[in-house]
N, C-alpha and C. Protein backbone atom coordinates (compact mmCIF):
# COMPACT_ATOMS: atom_id res chain seq x y z
N MET A 1 15.42 0.95 31.71
CA MET A 1 14.92 1.40 30.41
C MET A 1 13.62 2.17 30.60
N THR A 2 13.47 3.17 29.78
CA THR A 2 12.24 3.93 29.81
C THR A 2 11.18 3.24 28.94
N LEU A 3 9.97 3.68 29.07
CA LEU A 3 8.88 3.12 28.28
C LEU A 3 9.11 3.35 26.79
N GLY A 4 9.68 4.48 26.44
CA GLY A 4 9.98 4.77 25.04
C GLY A 4 11.00 3.81 24.47
N GLN A 5 12.04 3.51 25.23
CA GLN A 5 13.06 2.58 24.78
C GLN A 5 12.50 1.16 24.65
N ILE A 6 11.63 0.79 25.56
CA ILE A 6 11.01 -0.54 25.50
C ILE A 6 10.15 -0.66 24.25
N SER A 7 9.39 0.39 23.93
CA SER A 7 8.53 0.33 22.75
C SER A 7 9.35 0.30 21.46
N TRP A 8 10.44 1.07 21.40
CA TRP A 8 11.30 1.03 20.21
C TRP A 8 11.99 -0.32 20.09
N SER A 9 12.37 -0.91 21.21
CA SER A 9 12.98 -2.25 21.18
C SER A 9 11.99 -3.28 20.64
N ALA A 10 10.74 -3.14 21.02
CA ALA A 10 9.71 -4.06 20.53
C ALA A 10 9.52 -3.90 19.02
N ILE A 11 9.55 -2.66 18.54
CA ILE A 11 9.41 -2.43 17.10
C ILE A 11 10.58 -3.05 16.34
N VAL A 12 11.79 -2.88 16.87
CA VAL A 12 12.98 -3.46 16.23
C VAL A 12 12.84 -4.98 16.18
N ALA A 13 12.44 -5.58 17.30
CA ALA A 13 12.29 -7.04 17.35
C ALA A 13 11.24 -7.53 16.36
N ILE A 14 10.12 -6.84 16.29
CA ILE A 14 9.04 -7.23 15.37
C ILE A 14 9.52 -7.13 13.92
N CYS A 15 10.24 -6.06 13.60
CA CYS A 15 10.74 -5.89 12.23
C CYS A 15 11.75 -6.96 11.86
N VAL A 16 12.63 -7.31 12.79
CA VAL A 16 13.62 -8.35 12.51
C VAL A 16 12.95 -9.70 12.32
N ILE A 17 11.98 -10.03 13.16
CA ILE A 17 11.26 -11.29 13.02
C ILE A 17 10.50 -11.33 11.70
N ALA A 18 9.84 -10.23 11.36
CA ALA A 18 9.11 -10.17 10.09
C ALA A 18 10.07 -10.29 8.91
N ALA A 19 11.25 -9.67 9.03
CA ALA A 19 12.24 -9.75 7.96
C ALA A 19 12.70 -11.18 7.73
N ILE A 20 12.92 -11.90 8.82
CA ILE A 20 13.33 -13.31 8.69
C ILE A 20 12.23 -14.14 8.05
N ILE A 21 10.99 -13.88 8.42
CA ILE A 21 9.87 -14.63 7.85
C ILE A 21 9.76 -14.38 6.35
N VAL A 22 9.86 -13.12 5.93
CA VAL A 22 9.74 -12.85 4.49
C VAL A 22 10.94 -13.34 3.71
N LEU A 23 12.12 -13.36 4.35
CA LEU A 23 13.29 -13.92 3.67
C LEU A 23 13.13 -15.41 3.44
N VAL A 24 12.61 -16.11 4.43
CA VAL A 24 12.36 -17.55 4.28
C VAL A 24 11.32 -17.80 3.20
N SER A 25 10.38 -16.88 3.06
CA SER A 25 9.35 -17.02 2.03
C SER A 25 9.86 -16.66 0.64
N GLY A 26 11.06 -16.07 0.56
CA GLY A 26 11.65 -15.78 -0.73
C GLY A 26 11.54 -14.33 -1.18
N TYR A 27 11.08 -13.45 -0.32
CA TYR A 27 10.93 -12.04 -0.69
C TYR A 27 12.15 -11.26 -0.22
N VAL A 28 13.20 -11.26 -1.05
CA VAL A 28 14.47 -10.64 -0.65
C VAL A 28 14.34 -9.12 -0.54
N GLY A 29 13.58 -8.51 -1.44
CA GLY A 29 13.41 -7.06 -1.41
C GLY A 29 12.72 -6.59 -0.15
N TYR A 30 11.66 -7.27 0.23
CA TYR A 30 10.95 -6.90 1.46
C TYR A 30 11.83 -7.14 2.68
N PHE A 31 12.68 -8.16 2.61
CA PHE A 31 13.63 -8.43 3.70
C PHE A 31 14.52 -7.22 3.92
N ALA A 32 15.06 -6.67 2.84
CA ALA A 32 15.94 -5.50 2.94
C ALA A 32 15.20 -4.29 3.48
N VAL A 33 13.97 -4.10 3.04
CA VAL A 33 13.18 -2.96 3.50
C VAL A 33 12.90 -3.08 5.00
N LEU A 34 12.54 -4.27 5.45
CA LEU A 34 12.25 -4.46 6.87
C LEU A 34 13.51 -4.30 7.72
N LEU A 35 14.66 -4.73 7.21
CA LEU A 35 15.90 -4.52 7.96
C LEU A 35 16.24 -3.04 8.04
N ALA A 36 16.01 -2.31 6.96
CA ALA A 36 16.24 -0.86 6.99
C ALA A 36 15.31 -0.17 7.98
N LEU A 37 14.08 -0.62 8.03
CA LEU A 37 13.12 -0.07 8.99
C LEU A 37 13.54 -0.38 10.42
N ALA A 38 14.03 -1.60 10.66
CA ALA A 38 14.51 -1.97 11.98
C ALA A 38 15.72 -1.12 12.38
N ALA A 39 16.61 -0.88 11.42
CA ALA A 39 17.79 -0.04 11.70
C ALA A 39 17.37 1.39 12.03
N ALA A 40 16.39 1.90 11.32
CA ALA A 40 15.91 3.25 11.59
C ALA A 40 15.27 3.35 12.98
N ALA A 41 14.56 2.31 13.36
CA ALA A 41 13.94 2.30 14.69
C ALA A 41 15.00 2.13 15.76
N ALA A 42 16.05 1.38 15.46
CA ALA A 42 17.12 1.16 16.45
C ALA A 42 17.88 2.45 16.77
N ILE A 43 17.89 3.37 15.82
CA ILE A 43 18.56 4.65 16.07
C ILE A 43 17.90 5.38 17.24
N ASN A 44 16.60 5.20 17.40
CA ASN A 44 15.88 5.87 18.48
C ASN A 44 16.16 5.28 19.85
N LEU A 45 16.91 4.20 19.91
CA LEU A 45 17.23 3.60 21.22
C LEU A 45 18.38 4.31 21.91
N ARG A 46 19.07 5.19 21.21
CA ARG A 46 20.20 5.87 21.84
C ARG A 46 19.75 6.87 22.86
């Protein structure tokens, strides 16, 4: 993996973890936004 792929992977992981935390806290809308952000970052891993 290149450094760019590692950094995008870290962003995806951080967004997914944050999404789970906000979902547990009851913020469903923010959960969806964070998952969309993670999906957008995951596109850059190709």
